């Protein structure tokens, strides 16, 4: 009995240590990836009376959110705030888990973060809940800030929360599908049913699809574990698939593309990074630029702006992106007028 009791004590102690260490373990381990890629001279670094602590929380790791994060680091440096010099950025990745997001948010606030940045809606929500309107929160890439309870109004946020709204140009994306595939009759939509951002965009997508005379087949997943099976069902019923700004699918694009490639079905995602990962084309917001815009908001707050009346930034610049290599693999010819307008990731070496 004593041996069992001793073993139990050791096991409980080990689990307790692991739990306490979890926030550190979840944080990004490669310091070089958490630095600006922009060179800033010493004289351009802003004078501050102390090293400003910033908590930066990312929902999960995938290229679109990673680009946003890099944009934050780079533009903060351009504004004179360099990590390790006059600001200390505490970056953490929640690995797509709500419990992790809560735990990491708690840690950032208890460690004395003076400003918080949340990349994607769940990260921003976790930070806002923990900050309790005592620490300014900058939301980076949130589609529906009002619906998500982050702000009261886009022009007058009301809370100590402001930032950048990420609204994909859904109408233009469906127009692009018709330009590339003028005879298409049926388009599929796949997304995670728990993703608030995706739900809002799917509603818009169905409206635009109806206007274009397209039939829509809609399927949802509850986790990435469902993706391959659901995608296979969908691919057999449609001629193309549109993917909203869904972080679950963005982090598992290789799974989706392996299925759609098998059935020769093109995927039209909402962001350029998903075209790089095997999608065929999109017209949308540049993810890196969303990070740049978010950094500008943060720098303004550091310099005295009040988040309660700092209007949410709504980017308008859009870019057309294609993947000619993927189109060739699928036997689809992208019209020359689309090619002339677009950035081709196959030729950019991405």
Protein backbone atom coordinates (compact mmCIF):
# COMPACT_ATOMS: atom_id res chain seq x y z
CA UNK A 1 0.00 0.00 0.00
CA UNK A 2 2.84 2.39 0.85
CA UNK A 3 4.44 1.75 -2.55
CA UNK A 4 1.17 2.51 -4.33
CA UNK A 5 0.66 5.63 -2.23
CA UNK A 6 4.19 6.86 -2.94
CA UNK A 7 3.77 6.24 -6.65
CA UNK A 8 0.47 8.12 -6.58
CA UNK A 9 2.08 11.11 -4.90
CA UNK A 10 4.87 11.14 -7.49
CA UNK A 11 2.37 10.90 -10.34
CA UNK A 12 0.19 13.70 -8.98
CA UNK A 13 3.25 15.88 -8.43
CA UNK A 14 4.46 15.27 -11.99
CA UNK A 15 1.05 16.11 -13.44
CA UNK A 16 0.88 19.28 -11.38
CA UNK A 17 4.29 20.40 -12.64
CA UNK A 18 3.25 19.65 -16.22
CA UNK A 19 0.03 21.65 -15.80
CA UNK A 20 1.88 24.65 -14.40
CA UNK A 21 4.43 24.46 -17.18
CA UNK A 22 1.83 24.06 -19.94
CA UNK A 23 1.55 27.76 -20.88
CA UNK A 24 5.31 27.85 -21.48
CA UNK A 25 5.24 24.59 -23.41
CA UNK A 26 2.47 25.83 -25.69
CA UNK A 27 4.29 29.07 -26.48
CA UNK A 28 6.22 29.33 -29.71
CA UNK A 29 9.68 27.92 -29.17
CA UNK A 30 11.64 29.48 -32.04
CA UNK A 31 12.64 32.99 -31.03
CA UNK A 32 13.85 33.88 -34.52
CA UNK A 33 10.32 33.39 -35.85
CA UNK A 34 9.03 35.94 -33.35
CA UNK A 35 11.12 38.83 -34.58
CA UNK A 36 10.60 41.51 -37.18
CA UNK A 37 12.14 40.82 -40.55
CA UNK A 38 12.46 44.55 -41.05
CA UNK A 39 15.78 46.18 -40.21
CA UNK A 40 15.32 49.20 -37.95
CA UNK A 41 18.18 51.51 -37.04
CA UNK A 42 18.81 52.24 -33.39
CA UNK A 43 17.86 55.89 -33.81
CA UNK A 44 14.43 54.88 -35.18
CA UNK A 45 13.53 52.92 -32.05
CA UNK A 46 11.12 54.94 -29.91
CA UNK A 47 12.26 56.11 -26.49
CA UNK A 48 10.11 54.58 -23.77
CA UNK A 49 10.52 54.88 -20.01
CA UNK A 50 10.31 51.10 -19.68
CA UNK A 51 10.08 47.97 -21.81
CA UNK A 52 6.38 47.72 -22.73
CA UNK A 53 4.90 44.24 -22.19
CA UNK A 54 2.65 42.94 -24.96
CA UNK A 55 0.78 39.64 -24.93
CA UNK A 56 0.26 38.15 -28.40
CA UNK A 57 -2.10 35.18 -28.56
CA UNK A 58 -2.68 33.19 -31.75
CA UNK A 59 -5.54 30.71 -32.06
CA UNK A 60 -3.57 28.03 -33.89
CA UNK A 61 -0.73 27.62 -36.33
CA UNK A 62 -1.39 27.81 -40.05
CA UNK A 63 0.05 30.01 -42.82
CA UNK A 64 -2.72 32.65 -42.84
CA UNK A 65 -2.48 33.37 -39.11
CA UNK A 66 1.31 33.08 -39.21
CA UNK A 67 1.39 35.79 -41.90
CA UNK A 68 -0.75 38.03 -39.70
CA UNK A 69 1.63 37.51 -36.80
CA UNK A 70 4.66 38.39 -38.92
CA UNK A 71 2.90 41.53 -40.12
CA UNK A 72 2.41 42.56 -36.49
CA UNK A 73 6.11 42.16 -35.67
CA UNK A 74 7.30 43.90 -38.83
CA UNK A 75 4.99 46.90 -38.64
CA UNK A 76 5.55 47.41 -34.92
CA UNK A 77 9.24 47.66 -35.76
CA UNK A 78 8.48 50.13 -38.55
CA UNK A 79 6.62 52.22 -35.99
CA UNK A 80 9.64 52.12 -33.68
CA UNK A 81 8.65 49.29 -31.33
CA UNK A 82 11.13 46.42 -31.58
CA UNK A 83 10.75 43.20 -29.68
CA UNK A 84 13.55 42.83 -27.14
CA UNK A 85 14.45 46.52 -27.34
CA UNK A 86 11.65 48.77 -26.08
CA UNK A 87 8.83 46.19 -26.10
CA UNK A 88 8.69 42.63 -24.82
CA UNK A 89 6.26 40.49 -26.82
CA UNK A 90 5.03 37.39 -25.04
CA UNK A 91 3.80 35.18 -27.89
CA UNK A 92 1.73 32.04 -27.35
CA UNK A 93 -0.08 29.61 -29.63
CA UNK A 94 -3.31 28.14 -28.27
CA UNK A 95 -3.19 25.11 -30.61
CA UNK A 96 -6.87 25.62 -31.39
CA UNK A 97 -7.96 24.66 -27.88
CA UNK A 98 -10.30 26.87 -25.83
CA UNK A 99 -8.80 25.69 -22.54
CA UNK A 100 -5.33 26.61 -23.74
CA UNK A 101 -6.54 30.04 -24.83
CA UNK A 102 -8.03 30.69 -21.40
CA UNK A 103 -4.93 29.46 -19.57
CA UNK A 104 -2.55 31.47 -21.75
CA UNK A 105 -4.70 34.60 -21.47
CA UNK A 106 -4.66 34.27 -17.68
CA UNK A 107 -0.90 33.96 -17.72
CA UNK A 108 -0.39 37.00 -19.95
CA UNK A 109 -2.51 39.20 -17.71
CA UNK A 110 -0.99 37.87 -14.48
CA UNK A 111 2.48 38.45 -15.95
CA UNK A 112 1.64 42.12 -16.35
CA UNK A 113 0.88 42.55 -20.04
CA UNK A 114 0.03 46.19 -20.75
CA UNK A 115 -1.47 45.47 -24.17
CA UNK A 116 -2.97 42.30 -25.61
CA UNK A 117 -3.32 41.17 -29.23
CA UNK A 118 -5.57 38.31 -30.29
CA UNK A 119 -5.12 36.71 -33.71
CA UNK A 120 -8.51 35.24 -34.75
CA UNK A 121 -11.85 35.54 -32.98
CA UNK A 122 -11.48 32.90 -30.22
CA UNK A 123 -8.09 34.31 -29.19
CA UNK A 124 -9.45 37.86 -29.02
CA UNK A 125 -12.48 36.68 -27.04
CA UNK A 126 -10.32 34.81 -24.53
CA UNK A 127 -8.14 37.88 -23.99
CA UNK A 128 -11.13 40.20 -23.61
CA UNK A 129 -12.75 37.93 -21.04
CA UNK A 130 -9.62 37.73 -18.92
CA UNK A 131 -8.63 41.39 -19.34
CA UNK A 132 -12.06 42.41 -17.98
CA UNK A 133 -11.81 45.82 -19.64
CA UNK A 134 -8.67 46.64 -17.61
CA UNK A 135 -6.08 45.96 -20.34
CA UNK A 136 -6.45 47.18 -23.96
CA UNK A 137 -7.04 44.37 -26.45
CA UNK A 138 -6.29 44.59 -30.19
CA UNK A 139 -8.20 42.06 -32.29
CA UNK A 140 -6.45 40.95 -35.45
CA UNK A 141 -8.59 39.40 -38.19
CA UNK A 142 -12.07 39.13 -36.68
CA UNK A 143 -14.95 38.92 -39.15
CA UNK A 144 -17.82 39.98 -36.89
CA UNK A 145 -16.55 41.91 -33.84
CA UNK A 146 -20.04 42.98 -32.77
CA UNK A 147 -21.56 39.53 -33.13
CA UNK A 148 -18.61 38.03 -31.27
CA UNK A 149 -19.24 40.39 -28.35
CA UNK A 150 -15.87 42.07 -28.69
CA UNK A 151 -17.15 45.59 -29.36
CA UNK A 152 -20.48 47.36 -29.01
CA UNK A 153 -20.15 49.27 -32.26
CA UNK A 154 -17.60 49.35 -35.07
CA UNK A 155 -17.22 53.14 -34.89
CA UNK A 156 -17.35 53.41 -31.10
CA UNK A 157 -16.18 50.07 -29.63
CA UNK A 158 -17.19 51.05 -26.08
CA UNK A 159 -14.86 48.51 -24.47
CA UNK A 160 -11.07 48.56 -24.28
CA UNK A 161 -11.10 46.50 -27.46
CA UNK A 162 -10.51 47.59 -31.03
CA UNK A 163 -8.54 46.36 -34.01
CA UNK A 164 -9.00 45.06 -37.53
CA UNK A 165 -12.04 43.44 -39.07
CA UNK A 166 -11.45 40.64 -41.56
CA UNK A 167 -14.36 40.52 -44.00
CA UNK A 168 -13.61 38.41 -47.06
CA UNK A 169 -15.15 39.70 -50.32
CA UNK A 170 -17.50 36.75 -50.72
CA UNK A 171 -19.40 38.19 -53.68
CA UNK A 172 -16.19 38.78 -55.63
CA UNK A 173 -15.04 35.27 -54.79
CA UNK A 174 -18.17 33.70 -56.25
CA UNK A 175 -17.92 35.97 -59.26
CA UNK A 176 -14.39 34.61 -59.69
CA UNK A 177 -15.66 31.03 -59.59
CA UNK A 178 -18.03 31.87 -62.46
CA UNK A 179 -15.27 33.61 -64.41
CA UNK A 180 -13.01 30.58 -64.15
CA UNK A 181 -15.79 28.00 -64.57
CA UNK A 182 -18.57 29.75 -66.53
CA UNK A 183 -20.62 26.55 -66.98
CA UNK A 184 -20.59 25.53 -63.34
CA UNK A 185 -23.96 24.59 -61.83
CA UNK A 186 -23.17 23.22 -58.37
CA UNK A 187 -20.70 24.48 -55.79
CA UNK A 188 -19.92 22.89 -52.45
CA UNK A 189 -19.26 24.66 -49.16
CA UNK A 190 -17.44 22.98 -46.28
CA UNK A 191 -16.71 24.46 -42.87
CA UNK A 192 -16.55 23.81 -39.14
CA UNK A 193 -20.01 24.29 -37.64
CA UNK A 194 -18.51 25.83 -34.48
CA UNK A 195 -16.58 28.57 -36.31
CA UNK A 196 -18.50 31.84 -35.90
CA UNK A 197 -16.55 33.56 -38.66
CA UNK A 198 -17.32 30.76 -41.09
CA UNK A 199 -21.04 30.76 -40.32
CA UNK A 200 -21.38 34.46 -41.14
CA UNK A 201 -19.53 34.08 -44.43
CA UNK A 202 -21.48 31.00 -45.44
CA UNK A 203 -24.71 32.97 -45.11
CA UNK A 204 -23.35 35.61 -47.48
CA UNK A 205 -22.01 32.94 -49.84
CA UNK A 206 -25.37 31.21 -50.19
CA UNK A 207 -27.04 34.52 -51.04
CA UNK A 208 -24.50 35.32 -53.77
CA UNK A 209 -24.58 31.78 -55.12
CA UNK A 210 -28.35 32.05 -55.52
CA UNK A 211 -27.95 35.34 -57.41
CA UNK A 212 -25.58 33.57 -59.81
CA UNK A 213 -27.96 30.66 -60.30
CA UNK A 214 -25.69 28.20 -58.52
CA UNK A 215 -26.91 25.24 -56.52
CA UNK A 216 -25.16 24.93 -53.15
CA UNK A 217 -24.31 21.71 -51.34
CA UNK A 218 -23.36 22.55 -47.75
CA UNK A 219 -21.51 20.19 -45.42
CA UNK A 220 -20.01 20.79 -41.99
CA UNK A 221 -17.40 19.21 -39.80
CA UNK A 222 -17.07 19.29 -36.02
CA UNK A 223 -13.29 18.77 -35.98
CA UNK A 224 -10.44 18.16 -38.41
CA UNK A 225 -10.89 14.44 -37.75
CA UNK A 226 -14.08 14.61 -39.86
CA UNK A 227 -12.54 16.51 -42.74
CA UNK A 228 -11.37 13.71 -45.04
CA UNK A 229 -14.63 11.77 -44.85
CA UNK A 230 -16.90 14.79 -45.27
CA UNK A 231 -14.75 16.23 -48.06
CA UNK A 232 -14.96 12.94 -49.95
CA UNK A 233 -18.75 12.97 -49.73
CA UNK A 234 -18.88 16.58 -50.91
CA UNK A 235 -16.40 16.15 -53.75
CA UNK A 236 -18.64 13.54 -55.36
CA UNK A 237 -21.62 15.91 -55.44
CA UNK A 238 -20.17 19.18 -56.76
CA UNK A 239 -18.04 20.77 -59.46
CA UNK A 240 -16.04 23.09 -57.19
CA UNK A 241 -15.68 23.77 -53.47
CA UNK A 242 -15.59 27.14 -51.72
CA UNK A 243 -14.01 27.34 -48.27
CA UNK A 244 -14.78 30.26 -45.90
CA UNK A 245 -12.32 31.71 -43.40
CA UNK A 246 -12.31 28.60 -41.28
CA UNK A 247 -9.24 28.06 -39.10
CA UNK A 248 -9.89 24.33 -38.73
CA UNK A 249 -9.74 23.76 -42.47
CA UNK A 250 -6.95 26.28 -43.02
CA UNK A 251 -4.76 24.29 -40.62
CA UNK A 252 -5.60 21.05 -42.49
CA UNK A 253 -5.60 22.16 -46.12
CA UNK A 254 -3.37 19.25 -47.11
CA UNK A 255 -6.12 16.86 -45.98
CA UNK A 256 -8.79 18.65 -47.99
CA UNK A 257 -6.62 19.00 -51.09
CA UNK A 258 -5.60 15.35 -51.08
CA UNK A 259 -9.29 14.44 -51.36
CA UNK A 260 -10.32 17.09 -53.89
CA UNK A 261 -7.31 16.38 -56.11
CA UNK A 262 -8.36 12.74 -56.26
CA UNK A 263 -11.76 13.76 -57.60
CA UNK A 264 -10.36 16.59 -59.78
CA UNK A 265 -12.40 19.21 -57.90
CA UNK A 266 -10.94 22.74 -57.61
CA UNK A 267 -10.99 24.52 -54.27
CA UNK A 268 -11.63 28.27 -54.06
CA UNK A 269 -10.59 29.40 -50.56
CA UNK A 270 -10.95 32.85 -49.02
CA UNK A 271 -7.28 33.69 -48.45
CA UNK A 272 -4.14 33.69 -50.56
CA UNK A 273 -2.16 31.42 -48.23
CA UNK A 274 -4.71 28.66 -48.84
CA UNK A 275 -4.12 29.02 -52.58
CA UNK A 276 -0.44 28.45 -51.89
CA UNK A 277 -1.46 25.31 -49.98
CA UNK A 278 -3.33 23.82 -52.94
CA UNK A 279 -6.36 26.00 -53.63
CA UNK A 280 -6.85 27.19 -57.19
CA UNK A 281 -7.80 30.85 -56.91
CA UNK A 282 -9.17 33.57 -54.68
CA UNK A 283 -9.74 37.27 -54.48
CA UNK A 284 -9.31 38.51 -50.97
CA UNK A 285 -7.50 40.38 -48.26
CA UNK A 286 -3.79 39.89 -47.81
CA UNK A 287 -3.19 38.24 -44.44
CA UNK A 288 0.17 39.90 -43.87
CA UNK A 289 -1.48 43.30 -44.42
CA UNK A 290 -4.06 42.46 -41.74
CA UNK A 291 -1.12 42.06 -39.36
CA UNK A 292 0.35 45.37 -40.50
CA UNK A 293 -2.98 47.12 -39.91
CA UNK A 294 -3.29 45.50 -36.47
CA UNK A 295 0.20 46.68 -35.53
CA UNK A 296 -0.70 50.22 -36.51
CA UNK A 297 -3.71 50.08 -34.19
CA UNK A 298 -1.52 48.77 -31.36
CA UNK A 299 1.11 51.45 -31.93
CA UNK A 300 -1.59 54.13 -31.86
CA UNK A 301 -2.84 52.80 -28.53
CA UNK A 302 0.67 52.78 -27.10
CA UNK A 303 0.98 56.40 -28.18
CA UNK A 304 -2.18 57.42 -26.36
CA UNK A 305 -5.25 56.56 -28.45
CA UNK A 306 -8.30 55.39 -26.50
CA UNK A 307 -9.56 51.99 -27.69
CA UNK A 308 -13.10 52.78 -26.53
CA UNK A 309 -13.54 55.30 -29.33
CA UNK A 310 -10.97 53.99 -31.82
CA UNK A 311 -12.99 52.84 -34.83
CA UNK A 312 -12.45 49.28 -35.96
CA UNK A 313 -10.30 49.24 -39.11
CA UNK A 314 -11.94 47.64 -42.16
CA UNK A 315 -9.35 46.96 -44.91
CA UNK A 316 -10.59 47.42 -48.46
CA UNK A 317 -7.60 46.51 -50.63
CA UNK A 318 -8.10 43.14 -52.32
CA UNK A 319 -5.80 40.96 -54.41
CA UNK A 320 -6.49 38.28 -57.00
CA UNK A 321 -4.37 35.16 -56.50
CA UNK A 322 -4.23 32.03 -58.67
CA UNK A 323 -2.33 28.75 -58.71
CA UNK A 324 -1.71 27.89 -62.36
CA UNK A 325 0.09 24.67 -61.43
CA UNK A 326 -2.99 23.41 -59.61
CA UNK A 327 -5.24 24.46 -62.50
CA UNK A 328 -3.05 22.47 -64.93
CA UNK A 329 -3.14 19.43 -62.65
CA UNK A 330 -6.94 19.57 -62.61
CA UNK A 331 -7.25 20.21 -66.34
CA UNK A 332 -8.82 23.64 -65.87
CA UNK A 333 -7.87 26.59 -68.06
CA UNK A 334 -7.91 29.88 -66.20
CA UNK A 335 -9.12 32.66 -68.56
CA UNK A 336 -6.40 35.01 -69.79
CA UNK A 337 -8.09 38.09 -68.35
CA UNK A 338 -7.98 36.48 -64.89
CA UNK A 339 -4.34 35.49 -65.36
CA UNK A 340 -3.44 39.05 -66.38
CA UNK A 341 -4.98 40.48 -63.19
CA UNK A 342 -3.61 37.90 -60.79
CA UNK A 343 -0.55 37.03 -58.80
CA UNK A 344 0.34 33.44 -59.68
CA UNK A 345 1.75 31.61 -56.64
CA UNK A 346 3.13 28.92 -58.93
CA UNK A 347 5.37 31.50 -60.58
CA UNK A 348 6.16 33.40 -57.39
CA UNK A 349 7.98 30.37 -56.05
CA UNK A 350 5.75 30.10 -52.99
